[in-house]
PDB file of N, CA and C in Angstrom:
ATOM      1  N   MET A   1      10.283  13.273   7.871  1.00  0.00           N
ATOM      2  CA  MET A   1      11.138  12.233   8.406  1.00  0.00           C
ATOM      3  C   MET A   1      11.054  11.039   7.476  1.00  0.00           C
ATOM      4  N   GLY A   2      12.171  10.526   7.064  1.00  0.00           N
ATOM      5  CA  GLY A   2      12.214   9.377   6.170  1.00  0.00           C
ATOM      6  C   GLY A   2      12.296   8.082   6.940  1.00  0.00           C
ATOM      7  N   GLY A   3      12.799   7.064   6.280  1.00  0.00           N
ATOM      8  CA  GLY A   3      12.963   5.769   6.913  1.00  0.00           C
ATOM      9  C   GLY A   3      11.742   4.889   6.742  1.00  0.00           C
ATOM     10  N   THR A   4      11.749   3.793   7.447  1.00  0.00           N
ATOM     11  CA  THR A   4      10.640   2.844   7.368  1.00  0.00           C
ATOM     12  C   THR A   4       9.521   3.244   8.323  1.00  0.00           C
ATOM     13  N   ALA A   5       8.344   2.684   8.098  1.00  0.00           N
ATOM     14  CA  ALA A   5       7.227   2.957   9.001  1.00  0.00           C
ATOM     15  C   ALA A   5       7.547   2.456  10.407  1.00  0.00           C
ATOM     16  N   ALA A   6       8.243   1.318  10.494  1.00  0.00           N
ATOM     17  CA  ALA A   6       8.625   0.790  11.808  1.00  0.00           C
ATOM     18  C   ALA A   6       9.569   1.761  12.518  1.00  0.00           C
ATOM     19  N   GLY A   7      10.499   2.337  11.771  1.00  0.00           N
ATOM     20  CA  GLY A   7      11.405   3.323  12.346  1.00  0.00           C
ATOM     21  C   GLY A   7      10.685   4.579  12.784  1.00  0.00           C
ATOM     22  N   ARG A   8       9.725   5.030  11.964  1.00  0.00           N
ATOM     23  CA  ARG A   8       8.963   6.235  12.331  1.00  0.00           C
ATOM     24  C   ARG A   8       8.106   5.986  13.569  1.00  0.00           C
ATOM     25  N   LEU A   9       7.556   4.766  13.696  1.00  0.00           N
ATOM     26  CA  LEU A   9       6.779   4.437  14.893  1.00  0.00           C
ATOM     27  C   LEU A   9       7.692   4.455  16.117  1.00  0.00           C
ATOM     28  N   ALA A  10       8.899   3.920  15.992  1.00  0.00           N
ATOM     29  CA  ALA A  10       9.842   3.920  17.113  1.00  0.00           C
ATOM     30  C   ALA A  10      10.196   5.347  17.537  1.00  0.00           C
ATOM     31  N   VAL A  11      10.400   6.225  16.568  1.00  0.00           N
ATOM     32  CA  VAL A  11      10.713   7.619  16.882  1.00  0.00           C
ATOM     33  C   VAL A  11       9.517   8.293  17.554  1.00  0.00           C
ATOM     34  N   LEU A  12       8.317   7.993  17.074  1.00  0.00           N
ATOM     35  CA  LEU A  12       7.098   8.526  17.687  1.00  0.00           C
ATOM     36  C   LEU A  12       7.003   8.071  19.144  1.00  0.00           C
ATOM     37  N   GLU A  13       7.243   6.779  19.365  1.00  0.00           N
ATOM     38  CA  GLU A  13       7.166   6.242  20.727  1.00  0.00           C
ATOM     39  C   GLU A  13       8.242   6.810  21.639  1.00  0.00           C
ATOM     40  N   SER A  14       9.382   7.203  21.064  1.00  0.00           N
ATOM     41  CA  SER A  14      10.467   7.767  21.879  1.00  0.00           C
ATOM     42  C   SER A  14      10.140   9.179  22.350  1.00  0.00           C
ATOM     43  N   GLY A  15       9.157   9.807  21.686  1.00  0.00           N
ATOM     44  CA  GLY A  15       8.804  11.170  22.049  1.00  0.00           C
ATOM     45  C   GLY A  15       9.577  12.228  21.281  1.00  0.00           C
ATOM     46  N   ALA A  16      10.436  11.794  20.366  1.00  0.00           N
ATOM     47  CA  ALA A  16      11.247  12.747  19.602  1.00  0.00           C
ATOM     48  C   ALA A  16      10.405  13.544  18.609  1.00  0.00           C
ATOM     49  N   VAL A  17       9.281  12.996  18.187  1.00  0.00           N
ATOM     50  CA  VAL A  17       8.359  13.698  17.292  1.00  0.00           C
ATOM     51  C   VAL A  17       6.954  13.588  17.871  1.00  0.00           C
ATOM     52  N   ASP A  18       6.096  14.505  17.460  1.00  0.00           N
ATOM     53  CA  ASP A  18       4.716  14.504  17.945  1.00  0.00           C
ATOM     54  C   ASP A  18       3.772  13.755  17.015  1.00  0.00           C
ATOM     55  N   ALA A  19       4.202  13.528  15.771  1.00  0.00           N
ATOM     56  CA  ALA A  19       3.367  12.838  14.793  1.00  0.00           C
ATOM     57  C   ALA A  19       4.274  12.207  13.747  1.00  0.00           C
ATOM     58  N   ALA A  20       3.761  11.159  13.094  1.00  0.00           N
ATOM     59  CA  ALA A  20       4.534  10.481  12.054  1.00  0.00           C
ATOM     60  C   ALA A  20       3.584   9.852  11.056  1.00  0.00           C
ATOM     61  N   LEU A  21       4.028   9.778   9.812  1.00  0.00           N
ATOM     62  CA  LEU A  21       3.267   9.129   8.759  1.00  0.00           C
ATOM     63  C   LEU A  21       3.554   7.631   8.823  1.00  0.00           C
ATOM     64  N   LEU A  22       2.525   6.831   9.082  1.00  0.00           N
ATOM     65  CA  LEU A  22       2.690   5.390   9.237  1.00  0.00           C
ATOM     66  C   LEU A  22       1.872   4.659   8.192  1.00  0.00           C
ATOM     67  N   SER A  23       2.307   3.461   7.878  1.00  0.00           N
ATOM     68  CA  SER A  23       1.556   2.604   6.970  1.00  0.00           C
ATOM     69  C   SER A  23       1.210   1.316   7.702  1.00  0.00           C
ATOM     70  N   VAL A  24       0.441   0.472   7.055  1.00  0.00           N
ATOM     71  CA  VAL A  24       0.041  -0.799   7.642  1.00  0.00           C
ATOM     72  C   VAL A  24       1.288  -1.669   7.793  1.00  0.00           C
ATOM     73  N   PRO A  25       1.514  -2.349   8.876  1.00  0.00           N
ATOM     74  CA  PRO A  25       0.647  -2.504  10.045  1.00  0.00           C
ATOM     75  C   PRO A  25       0.964  -1.535  11.183  1.00  0.00           C
ATOM     76  N   GLU A  26       1.980  -0.675  10.973  1.00  0.00           N
ATOM     77  CA  GLU A  26       2.379   0.218  12.056  1.00  0.00           C
ATOM     78  C   GLU A  26       1.276   1.177  12.481  1.00  0.00           C
ATOM     79  N   ASN A  27       0.432   1.621  11.538  1.00  0.00           N
ATOM     80  CA  ASN A  27      -0.664   2.516  11.934  1.00  0.00           C
ATOM     81  C   ASN A  27      -1.634   1.796  12.866  1.00  0.00           C
ATOM     82  N   VAL A  28      -1.894   0.533  12.608  1.00  0.00           N
ATOM     83  CA  VAL A  28      -2.781  -0.260  13.473  1.00  0.00           C
ATOM     84  C   VAL A  28      -2.132  -0.440  14.840  1.00  0.00           C
ATOM     85  N   MET A  29      -0.841  -0.742  14.853  1.00  0.00           N
ATOM     86  CA  MET A  29      -0.123  -0.917  16.114  1.00  0.00           C
ATOM     87  C   MET A  29      -0.148   0.369  16.936  1.00  0.00           C
ATOM     88  N   ALA A  30       0.019   1.511  16.274  1.00  0.00           N
ATOM     89  CA  ALA A  30       0.002   2.795  16.981  1.00  0.00           C
ATOM     90  C   ALA A  30      -1.365   3.055  17.608  1.00  0.00           C
ATOM     91  N   ARG A  31      -2.433   2.770  16.855  1.00  0.00           N
ATOM     92  CA  ARG A  31      -3.773   2.953  17.421  1.00  0.00           C
ATOM     93  C   ARG A  31      -3.984   2.046  18.624  1.00  0.00           C
ATOM     94  N   GLU A  32      -3.501   0.804  18.526  1.00  0.00           N
ATOM     95  CA  GLU A  32      -3.633  -0.136  19.649  1.00  0.00           C
ATOM     96  C   GLU A  32      -2.867   0.346  20.874  1.00  0.00           C
ATOM     97  N   LYS A  33      -1.824   1.138  20.662  1.00  0.00           N
ATOM     98  CA  LYS A  33      -1.024   1.678  21.763  1.00  0.00           C
ATOM     99  C   LYS A  33      -1.576   2.997  22.289  1.00  0.00           C
ATOM    100  N   GLY A  34      -2.716   3.429  21.708  1.00  0.00           N
ATOM    101  CA  GLY A  34      -3.363   4.630  22.215  1.00  0.00           C
ATOM    102  C   GLY A  34      -3.106   5.906  21.443  1.00  0.00           C
ATOM    103  N   TYR A  35      -2.350   5.836  20.356  1.00  0.00           N
ATOM    104  CA  TYR A  35      -2.113   7.030  19.542  1.00  0.00           C
ATOM    105  C   TYR A  35      -3.360   7.330  18.716  1.00  0.00           C
ATOM    106  N   ASN A  36      -3.566   8.599  18.413  1.00  0.00           N
ATOM    107  CA  ASN A  36      -4.704   9.026  17.607  1.00  0.00           C
ATOM    108  C   ASN A  36      -4.316   9.105  16.138  1.00  0.00           C
ATOM    109  N   GLU A  37      -5.221   8.704  15.285  1.00  0.00           N
ATOM    110  CA  GLU A  37      -5.009   8.869  13.848  1.00  0.00           C
ATOM    111  C   GLU A  37      -5.493  10.259  13.469  1.00  0.00           C
ATOM    112  N   LEU A  38      -4.581  11.107  13.045  1.00  0.00           N
ATOM    113  CA  LEU A  38      -4.925  12.478  12.683  1.00  0.00           C
ATOM    114  C   LEU A  38      -5.465  12.578  11.269  1.00  0.00           C
ATOM    115  N   LEU A  39      -4.990  11.709  10.405  1.00  0.00           N
ATOM    116  CA  LEU A  39      -5.351  11.771   8.999  1.00  0.00           C
ATOM    117  C   LEU A  39      -5.172  10.400   8.377  1.00  0.00           C
ATOM    118  N   PHE A  40      -6.161   9.959   7.601  1.00  0.00           N
ATOM    119  CA  PHE A  40      -6.006   8.760   6.787  1.00  0.00           C
ATOM    120  C   PHE A  40      -5.608   9.243   5.412  1.00  0.00           C
ATOM    121  N   LEU A  41      -4.367   8.979   5.017  1.00  0.00           N
ATOM    122  CA  LEU A  41      -3.831   9.510   3.775  1.00  0.00           C
ATOM    123  C   LEU A  41      -4.647   9.081   2.558  1.00  0.00           C
ATOM    124  N   GLY A  42      -5.305   7.922   2.645  1.00  0.00           N
ATOM    125  CA  GLY A  42      -6.147   7.457   1.546  1.00  0.00           C
ATOM    126  C   GLY A  42      -7.317   8.385   1.259  1.00  0.00           C
ATOM    127  N   ASP A  43      -7.691   9.216   2.226  1.00  0.00           N
ATOM    128  CA  ASP A  43      -8.757  10.203   2.003  1.00  0.00           C
ATOM    129  C   ASP A  43      -8.256  11.401   1.200  1.00  0.00           C
ATOM    130  N   VAL A  44      -6.941  11.556   1.117  1.00  0.00           N
ATOM    131  CA  VAL A  44      -6.355  12.712   0.470  1.00  0.00           C
ATOM    132  C   VAL A  44      -5.693  12.354  -0.857  1.00  0.00           C
ATOM    133  N   VAL A  45      -5.004  11.229  -0.891  1.00  0.00           N
ATOM    134  CA  VAL A  45      -4.238  10.815  -2.064  1.00  0.00           C
ATOM    135  C   VAL A  45      -4.666   9.409  -2.456  1.00  0.00           C
ATOM    136  N   GLU A  46      -4.847   9.198  -3.746  1.00  0.00           N
ATOM    137  CA  GLU A  46      -5.207   7.870  -4.230  1.00  0.00           C
ATOM    138  C   GLU A  46      -4.193   7.451  -5.292  1.00  0.00           C
ATOM    139  N   PHE A  47      -3.382   6.460  -4.967  1.00  0.00           N
ATOM    140  CA  PHE A  47      -2.399   5.974  -5.928  1.00  0.00           C
ATOM    141  C   PHE A  47      -2.010   4.543  -5.580  1.00  0.00           C
ATOM    142  N   ALA A  48      -1.501   3.858  -6.569  1.00  0.00           N
ATOM    143  CA  ALA A  48      -1.055   2.483  -6.372  1.00  0.00           C
ATOM    144  C   ALA A  48       0.323   2.484  -5.723  1.00  0.00           C
ATOM    145  N   GLN A  49       0.562   1.536  -4.861  1.00  0.00           N
ATOM    146  CA  GLN A  49       1.858   1.441  -4.204  1.00  0.00           C
ATOM    147  C   GLN A  49       2.533   0.128  -4.582  1.00  0.00           C
ATOM    148  N   SER A  50       2.689  -0.089  -5.850  1.00  0.00           N
ATOM    149  CA  SER A  50       3.377  -1.295  -6.293  1.00  0.00           C
ATOM    150  C   SER A  50       4.076  -1.009  -7.607  1.00  0.00           C
ATOM    151  N   GLY A  51       4.915  -1.916  -8.001  1.00  0.00           N
ATOM    152  CA  GLY A  51       5.623  -1.744  -9.255  1.00  0.00           C
ATOM    153  C   GLY A  51       5.819  -3.092  -9.924  1.00  0.00           C
ATOM    154  N   LEU A  52       6.261  -3.033 -11.149  1.00  0.00           N
ATOM    155  CA  LEU A  52       6.461  -4.245 -11.931  1.00  0.00           C
ATOM    156  C   LEU A  52       7.696  -4.019 -12.793  1.00  0.00           C
ATOM    157  N   GLY A  53       8.590  -4.976 -12.799  1.00  0.00           N
ATOM    158  CA  GLY A  53       9.803  -4.830 -13.595  1.00  0.00           C
ATOM    159  C   GLY A  53      10.137  -6.121 -14.315  1.00  0.00           C
ATOM    160  N   THR A  54      10.886  -6.005 -15.369  1.00  0.00           N
ATOM    161  CA  THR A  54      11.353  -7.169 -16.123  1.00  0.00           C
ATOM    162  C   THR A  54      12.601  -6.789 -16.895  1.00  0.00           C
ATOM    163  N   THR A  55      13.152  -7.747 -17.610  1.00  0.00           N
ATOM    164  CA  THR A  55      14.344  -7.500 -18.412  1.00  0.00           C
ATOM    165  C   THR A  55      13.947  -7.256 -19.861  1.00  0.00           C
ATOM    166  N   GLU A  56      14.833  -6.609 -20.605  1.00  0.00           N
ATOM    167  CA  GLU A  56      14.593  -6.419 -22.042  1.00  0.00           C
ATOM    168  C   GLU A  56      14.502  -7.766 -22.747  1.00  0.00           C
ATOM    169  N   LYS A  57      15.295  -8.732 -22.296  1.00  0.00           N
ATOM    170  CA  LYS A  57      15.290 -10.063 -22.904  1.00  0.00           C
ATOM    171  C   LYS A  57      13.905 -10.710 -22.791  1.00  0.00           C
ATOM    172  N   ARG A  58      13.292 -10.618 -21.588  1.00  0.00           N
ATOM    173  CA  ARG A  58      11.965 -11.214 -21.417  1.00  0.00           C
ATOM    174  C   ARG A  58      10.952 -10.518 -22.313  1.00  0.00           C
ATOM    175  N   ILE A  59      11.044  -9.201 -22.415  1.00  0.00           N
ATOM    176  CA  ILE A  59      10.116  -8.458 -23.276  1.00  0.00           C
ATOM    177  C   ILE A  59      10.257  -8.917 -24.723  1.00  0.00           C
ATOM    178  N   LYS A  60      11.496  -9.080 -25.169  1.00  0.00           N
ATOM    179  CA  LYS A  60      11.740  -9.506 -26.556  1.00  0.00           C
ATOM    180  C   LYS A  60      11.359 -10.963 -26.784  1.00  0.00           C
ATOM    181  N   ASP A  61      11.706 -11.838 -25.810  1.00  0.00           N
ATOM    182  CA  ASP A  61      11.483 -13.271 -25.984  1.00  0.00           C
ATOM    183  C   ASP A  61      10.052 -13.714 -25.676  1.00  0.00           C
ATOM    184  N   ASN A  62       9.360 -12.983 -24.800  1.00  0.00           N
ATOM    185  CA  ASN A  62       8.020 -13.394 -24.354  1.00  0.00           C
ATOM    186  C   ASN A  62       7.044 -12.219 -24.357  1.00  0.00           C
ATOM    187  N   PRO A  63       6.845 -11.559 -25.476  1.00  0.00           N
ATOM    188  CA  PRO A  63       5.990 -10.370 -25.479  1.00  0.00           C
ATOM    189  C   PRO A  63       4.552 -10.664 -25.055  1.00  0.00           C
ATOM    190  N   ASP A  64       4.033 -11.823 -25.395  1.00  0.00           N
ATOM    191  CA  ASP A  64       2.655 -12.149 -25.014  1.00  0.00           C
ATOM    192  C   ASP A  64       2.535 -12.312 -23.495  1.00  0.00           C
ATOM    193  N   GLU A  65       3.522 -12.945 -22.884  1.00  0.00           N
ATOM    194  CA  GLU A  65       3.527 -13.102 -21.430  1.00  0.00           C
ATOM    195  C   GLU A  65       3.589 -11.735 -20.749  1.00  0.00           C
ATOM    196  N   VAL A  66       4.452 -10.860 -21.249  1.00  0.00           N
ATOM    197  CA  VAL A  66       4.594  -9.517 -20.681  1.00  0.00           C
ATOM    198  C   VAL A  66       3.271  -8.756 -20.826  1.00  0.00           C
ATOM    199  N   TYR A  67       2.651  -8.838 -21.990  1.00  0.00           N
ATOM    200  CA  TYR A  67       1.372  -8.163 -22.222  1.00  0.00           C
ATOM    201  C   TYR A  67       0.318  -8.665 -21.232  1.00  0.00           C
ATOM    202  N   ARG A  68       0.216  -9.999 -21.089  1.00  0.00           N
ATOM    203  CA  ARG A  68      -0.790 -10.569 -20.184  1.00  0.00           C
ATOM    204  C   ARG A  68      -0.534 -10.159 -18.735  1.00  0.00           C
ATOM    205  N   THR A  69       0.743 -10.097 -18.351  1.00  0.00           N
ATOM    206  CA  THR A  69       1.089  -9.705 -16.987  1.00  0.00           C
ATOM    207  C   THR A  69       0.713  -8.251 -16.721  1.00  0.00           C
ATOM    208  N   VAL A  70       1.058  -7.370 -17.645  1.00  0.00           N
ATOM    209  CA  VAL A  70       0.716  -5.948 -17.488  1.00  0.00           C
ATOM    210  C   VAL A  70      -0.799  -5.779 -17.473  1.00  0.00           C
ATOM    211  N   ARG A  71      -1.484  -6.491 -18.353  1.00  0.00           N
ATOM    212  CA  ARG A  71      -2.954  -6.424 -18.404  1.00  0.00           C
ATOM    213  C   ARG A  71      -3.563  -6.887 -17.081  1.00  0.00           C
ATOM    214  N   ALA A  72      -3.037  -7.970 -16.510  1.00  0.00           N
ATOM    215  CA  ALA A  72      -3.541  -8.473 -15.225  1.00  0.00           C
ATOM    216  C   ALA A  72      -3.309  -7.454 -14.114  1.00  0.00           C
ATOM    217  N   GLN A  73      -2.132  -6.828 -14.107  1.00  0.00           N
ATOM    218  CA  GLN A  73      -1.840  -5.794 -13.112  1.00  0.00           C
ATOM    219  C   GLN A  73      -2.819  -4.625 -13.226  1.00  0.00           C
ATOM    220  N   LEU A  74      -3.058  -4.190 -14.446  1.00  0.00           N
ATOM    221  CA  LEU A  74      -3.974  -3.074 -14.677  1.00  0.00           C
ATOM    222  C   LEU A  74      -5.384  -3.434 -14.242  1.00  0.00           C
ATOM    223  N   ARG A  75      -5.826  -4.632 -14.591  1.00  0.00           N
ATOM    224  CA  ARG A  75      -7.174  -5.059 -14.200  1.00  0.00           C
ATOM    225  C   ARG A  75      -7.316  -5.145 -12.685  1.00  0.00           C
ATOM    226  N   SER A  76      -6.272  -5.630 -12.007  1.00  0.00           N
ATOM    227  CA  SER A  76      -6.343  -5.720 -10.555  1.00  0.00           C
ATOM    228  C   SER A  76      -6.371  -4.328  -9.928  1.00  0.00           C
ATOM    229  N   LEU A  77      -5.610  -3.397 -10.486  1.00  0.00           N
ATOM    230  CA  LEU A  77      -5.627  -2.026  -9.983  1.00  0.00           C
ATOM    231  C   LEU A  77      -7.003  -1.389 -10.180  1.00  0.00           C
ATOM    232  N   MET A  78      -7.584  -1.600 -11.341  1.00  0.00           N
ATOM    233  CA  MET A  78      -8.919  -1.049 -11.606  1.00  0.00           C
ATOM    234  C   MET A  78      -9.937  -1.651 -10.636  1.00  0.00           C
ATOM    235  N   PHE A  79      -9.806  -2.932 -10.329  1.00  0.00           N
ATOM    236  CA  PHE A  79     -10.687  -3.594  -9.365  1.00  0.00           C
ATOM    237  C   PHE A  79     -10.542  -2.952  -7.988  1.00  0.00           C
ATOM    238  N   LEU A  80      -9.290  -2.750  -7.566  1.00  0.00           N
ATOM    239  CA  LEU A  80      -9.043  -2.197  -6.232  1.00  0.00           C
ATOM    240  C   LEU A  80      -9.502  -0.748  -6.093  1.00  0.00           C
ATOM    241  N   LEU A  81      -9.504   0.002  -7.192  1.00  0.00           N
ATOM    242  CA  LEU A  81      -9.923   1.402  -7.139  1.00  0.00           C
ATOM    243  C   LEU A  81     -11.422   1.586  -7.329  1.00  0.00           C
ATOM    244  N   ASP A  82     -12.144   0.502  -7.578  1.00  0.00           N
ATOM    245  CA  ASP A  82     -13.590   0.559  -7.783  1.00  0.00           C
ATOM    246  C   ASP A  82     -14.286   0.683  -6.427  1.00  0.00           C
ATOM    247  N   LYS A  83     -14.751   1.875  -6.109  1.00  0.00           N
ATOM    248  CA  LYS A  83     -15.367   2.145  -4.806  1.00  0.00           C
ATOM    249  C   LYS A  83     -16.587   1.262  -4.534  1.00  0.00           C
ATOM    250  N   SER A  84     -17.269   0.818  -5.573  1.00  0.00           N
ATOM    251  CA  SER A  84     -18.458  -0.017  -5.378  1.00  0.00           C
ATOM    252  C   SER A  84     -18.089  -1.418  -4.877  1.00  0.00           C
ATOM    253  N   ARG A  85     -16.813  -1.785  -4.937  1.00  0.00           N
ATOM    254  CA  ARG A  85     -16.360  -3.108  -4.495  1.00  0.00           C
ATOM    255  C   ARG A  85     -15.629  -3.059  -3.155  1.00  0.00           C
ATOM    256  N   GLU A  86     -15.735  -1.949  -2.457  1.00  0.00           N
ATOM    257  CA  GLU A  86     -14.964  -1.762  -1.232  1.00  0.00           C
ATOM    258  C   GLU A  86     -15.177  -2.886  -0.219  1.00  0.00           C
ATOM    259  N   GLY A  87     -16.421  -3.274   0.009  1.00  0.00           N
ATOM    260  CA  GLY A  87     -16.711  -4.351   0.958  1.00  0.00           C
ATOM    261  C   GLY A  87     -16.102  -5.664   0.528  1.00  0.00           C
ATOM    262  N   GLU A  88     -16.194  -5.965  -0.760  1.00  0.00           N
ATOM    263  CA  GLU A  88     -15.619  -7.192  -1.310  1.00  0.00           C
ATOM    264  C   GLU A  88     -14.091  -7.193  -1.154  1.00  0.00           C
ATOM    265  N   ILE A  89     -13.476  -6.046  -1.380  1.00  0.00           N
ATOM    266  CA  ILE A  89     -12.030  -5.928  -1.268  1.00  0.00           C
ATOM    267  C   ILE A  89     -11.592  -6.117   0.180  1.00  0.00           C
ATOM    268  N   VAL A  90     -12.312  -5.518   1.104  1.00  0.00           N
ATOM    269  CA  VAL A  90     -11.985  -5.676   2.527  1.00  0.00           C
ATOM    270  C   VAL A  90     -12.100  -7.151   2.926  1.00  0.00           C
ATOM    271  N   ASP A  91     -13.134  -7.818   2.454  1.00  0.00           N
ATOM    272  CA  ASP A  91     -13.286  -9.252   2.744  1.00  0.00           C
ATOM    273  C   ASP A  91     -12.103 -10.057   2.206  1.00  0.00           C
ATOM    274  N   LEU A  92     -11.658  -9.743   0.983  1.00  0.00           N
ATOM    275  CA  LEU A  92     -10.508 -10.445   0.403  1.00  0.00           C
ATOM    276  C   LEU A  92      -9.241 -10.216   1.231  1.00  0.00           C
ATOM    277  N   ILE A  93      -9.038  -8.980   1.657  1.00  0.00           N
ATOM    278  CA  ILE A  93      -7.860  -8.656   2.465  1.00  0.00           C
ATOM    279  C   ILE A  93      -7.928  -9.379   3.800  1.00  0.00           C
ATOM    280  N   MET A  94      -9.087  -9.398   4.417  1.00  0.00           N
ATOM    281  CA  MET A  94      -9.244 -10.067   5.725  1.00  0.00           C
ATOM    282  C   MET A  94      -8.958 -11.561   5.601  1.00  0.00           C
ATOM    283  N   LYS A  95      -9.347 -12.179   4.504  1.00  0.00           N
ATOM    284  CA  LYS A  95      -9.106 -13.617   4.307  1.00  0.00           C
ATOM    285  C   LYS A  95      -7.619 -13.900   4.122  1.00  0.00           C
ATOM    286  N   ARG A  96      -6.899 -12.975   3.526  1.00  0.00           N
ATOM    287  CA  ARG A  96      -5.457 -13.166   3.289  1.00  0.00           C
ATOM    288  C   ARG A  96      -4.680 -12.930   4.562  1.00  0.00           C
TER     289      ARG A  96
END
């Protein structure tokens, strides 16, 4: 089933399906409503869920800026995937 997580939660609540793949915050909302979490997808698949885009003009006119931005993105991804920092990452997310 496609669509947004909010849409999938609505379909789940309607009874039209017995299970649905949800993301934050809908998975939390579903648990609060008494639904069971059958699987945490993060235990099965590990990948980044973000992207970065720019124009050819910016790449040509500001190559150093583009390099620094890509480098910062990569460093942040490496930080987030570092299992030894899990507690620190959770604290950062909770503060935000």
